[in-house]
């Protein structure tokens, strides 16, 4: 699984942040590592030009699953860490539900498999 981290111009993408976000994503998605090609993480500060606001840190995570369209989640929180943790949890849940649904659909098929 490849992890790409992007930040807006208000968040400095330093090595510590990159390592921390990578660790959170790898831990949250480790069960699905074989099914994930890439995860794109987008971090932004929604109210950077104003005083610190409520839930102004935003994290969008998009996962590319093998043979599927990308799926994405968004989480906003008071801190960047909370935003990343929340998005990683949401993405793990979405991937789990997506894979379960695919498995259920495949098990119900009556036509011969193309593989």
Protein backbone atom coordinates (compact mmCIF):
# COMPACT_ATOMS: atom_id res chain seq x y z
CA UNK A 1 0.00 0.00 0.00
CA UNK A 2 1.37 3.33 -1.06
CA UNK A 3 0.54 6.40 1.04
CA UNK A 4 0.63 9.91 -0.42
CA UNK A 5 0.25 12.90 1.93
CA UNK A 6 -0.79 16.33 0.64
CA UNK A 7 -1.22 19.53 2.63
CA UNK A 8 -2.65 22.92 1.84
CA UNK A 9 -0.46 26.02 2.04
CA UNK A 10 -1.42 26.53 5.70
CA UNK A 11 0.01 23.25 6.98
CA UNK A 12 3.72 22.55 6.88
CA UNK A 13 4.39 19.03 5.57
CA UNK A 14 7.42 18.25 7.71
CA UNK A 15 8.95 14.82 8.21
CA UNK A 16 7.42 14.28 11.67
CA UNK A 17 3.89 14.96 10.35
CA UNK A 18 4.43 12.67 7.38
CA UNK A 19 5.69 9.85 9.61
CA UNK A 20 2.84 10.31 12.07
CA UNK A 21 0.11 10.31 9.41
CA UNK A 22 1.69 7.33 7.64
CA UNK A 23 1.75 5.39 10.93
CA UNK A 24 -1.92 6.14 11.65
CA UNK A 25 -2.99 5.10 8.14
CA UNK A 26 -0.92 1.90 8.16
CA UNK A 27 -2.25 0.87 11.59
CA UNK A 28 -5.88 1.64 10.76
CA UNK A 29 -5.82 -0.13 7.38
CA UNK A 30 -3.41 -3.00 8.09
CA UNK A 31 -6.17 -5.64 7.80
CA UNK A 32 -6.86 -4.52 4.23
CA UNK A 33 -3.27 -3.95 3.07
CA UNK A 34 -3.51 -6.61 0.35
CA UNK A 35 -6.61 -5.02 -1.20
CA UNK A 36 -5.38 -1.40 -1.16
CA UNK A 37 -3.19 0.00 -3.92
CA UNK A 38 -2.84 3.57 -2.67
CA UNK A 39 -4.16 5.95 -0.02
CA UNK A 40 -4.14 9.70 -0.64
CA UNK A 41 -4.35 11.90 2.46
CA UNK A 42 -5.27 15.57 2.08
CA UNK A 43 -4.82 17.83 5.12
CA UNK A 44 -6.15 21.35 5.32
CA UNK A 45 -6.86 24.14 7.78
CA UNK A 46 -10.30 25.46 6.84
CA UNK A 47 -10.10 28.70 8.87
CA UNK A 48 -6.42 29.51 8.62
CA UNK A 49 -6.99 33.17 7.88
CA UNK A 50 -9.10 33.58 11.01
CA UNK A 51 -8.68 32.77 14.67
CA UNK A 52 -8.65 29.14 15.68
CA UNK A 53 -12.10 27.82 14.98
CA UNK A 54 -14.19 24.86 15.97
CA UNK A 55 -13.52 21.80 13.78
CA UNK A 56 -11.34 23.73 11.37
CA UNK A 57 -8.82 20.95 10.65
CA UNK A 58 -9.91 18.72 7.78
CA UNK A 59 -8.60 15.38 6.61
CA UNK A 60 -9.77 13.72 3.42
CA UNK A 61 -8.59 10.15 2.76
CA UNK A 62 -9.09 8.40 -0.54
CA UNK A 63 -8.27 4.72 -1.00
CA UNK A 64 -7.82 2.96 -4.32
CA UNK A 65 -8.88 -0.67 -3.92
CA UNK A 66 -7.72 -3.27 -6.43
CA UNK A 67 -10.17 -3.44 -9.31
CA UNK A 68 -12.53 -0.82 -7.84
CA UNK A 69 -13.25 2.89 -8.07
CA UNK A 70 -11.61 5.01 -5.34
CA UNK A 71 -13.53 5.52 -2.11
CA UNK A 72 -13.11 8.57 0.11
CA UNK A 73 -14.03 9.92 3.53
CA UNK A 74 -13.74 13.30 5.24
CA UNK A 75 -13.33 14.14 8.90
CA UNK A 76 -13.12 17.58 10.53
CA UNK A 77 -11.89 18.14 14.08
CA UNK A 78 -10.27 20.67 16.39
CA UNK A 79 -6.76 19.30 15.86
CA UNK A 80 -4.94 17.75 12.92
CA UNK A 81 -4.31 14.55 14.90
CA UNK A 82 -8.01 14.17 15.65
CA UNK A 83 -8.90 14.80 12.01
CA UNK A 84 -6.43 12.16 10.79
CA UNK A 85 -7.52 9.61 13.41
CA UNK A 86 -11.20 10.17 12.60
CA UNK A 87 -10.70 9.90 8.85
CA UNK A 88 -8.59 6.75 9.21
CA UNK A 89 -11.29 5.12 11.33
CA UNK A 90 -14.02 6.12 8.87
CA UNK A 91 -11.98 4.81 5.94
CA UNK A 92 -11.31 1.48 7.65
CA UNK A 93 -15.04 1.07 8.32
CA UNK A 94 -15.94 2.00 4.74
CA UNK A 95 -13.39 -0.44 3.30
CA UNK A 96 -14.68 -3.22 5.56
CA UNK A 97 -18.29 -2.60 4.47
CA UNK A 98 -17.29 -2.36 0.81
CA UNK A 99 -15.35 -5.63 0.89
CA UNK A 100 -18.13 -7.41 2.79
CA UNK A 101 -20.68 -6.21 0.22
CA UNK A 102 -18.47 -7.41 -2.66
CA UNK A 103 -17.98 -10.78 -0.99
CA UNK A 104 -21.75 -11.14 -0.48
CA UNK A 105 -22.44 -10.23 -4.11
CA UNK A 106 -19.87 -12.72 -5.38
CA UNK A 107 -21.21 -15.52 -3.18
CA UNK A 108 -24.74 -14.96 -4.59
CA UNK A 109 -23.68 -15.12 -8.23
CA UNK A 110 -25.17 -17.93 -10.26
CA UNK A 111 -23.35 -17.29 -13.52
CA UNK A 112 -19.90 -18.80 -14.12
CA UNK A 113 -16.96 -16.73 -12.96
CA UNK A 114 -14.83 -15.04 -15.62
CA UNK A 115 -11.61 -15.88 -13.83
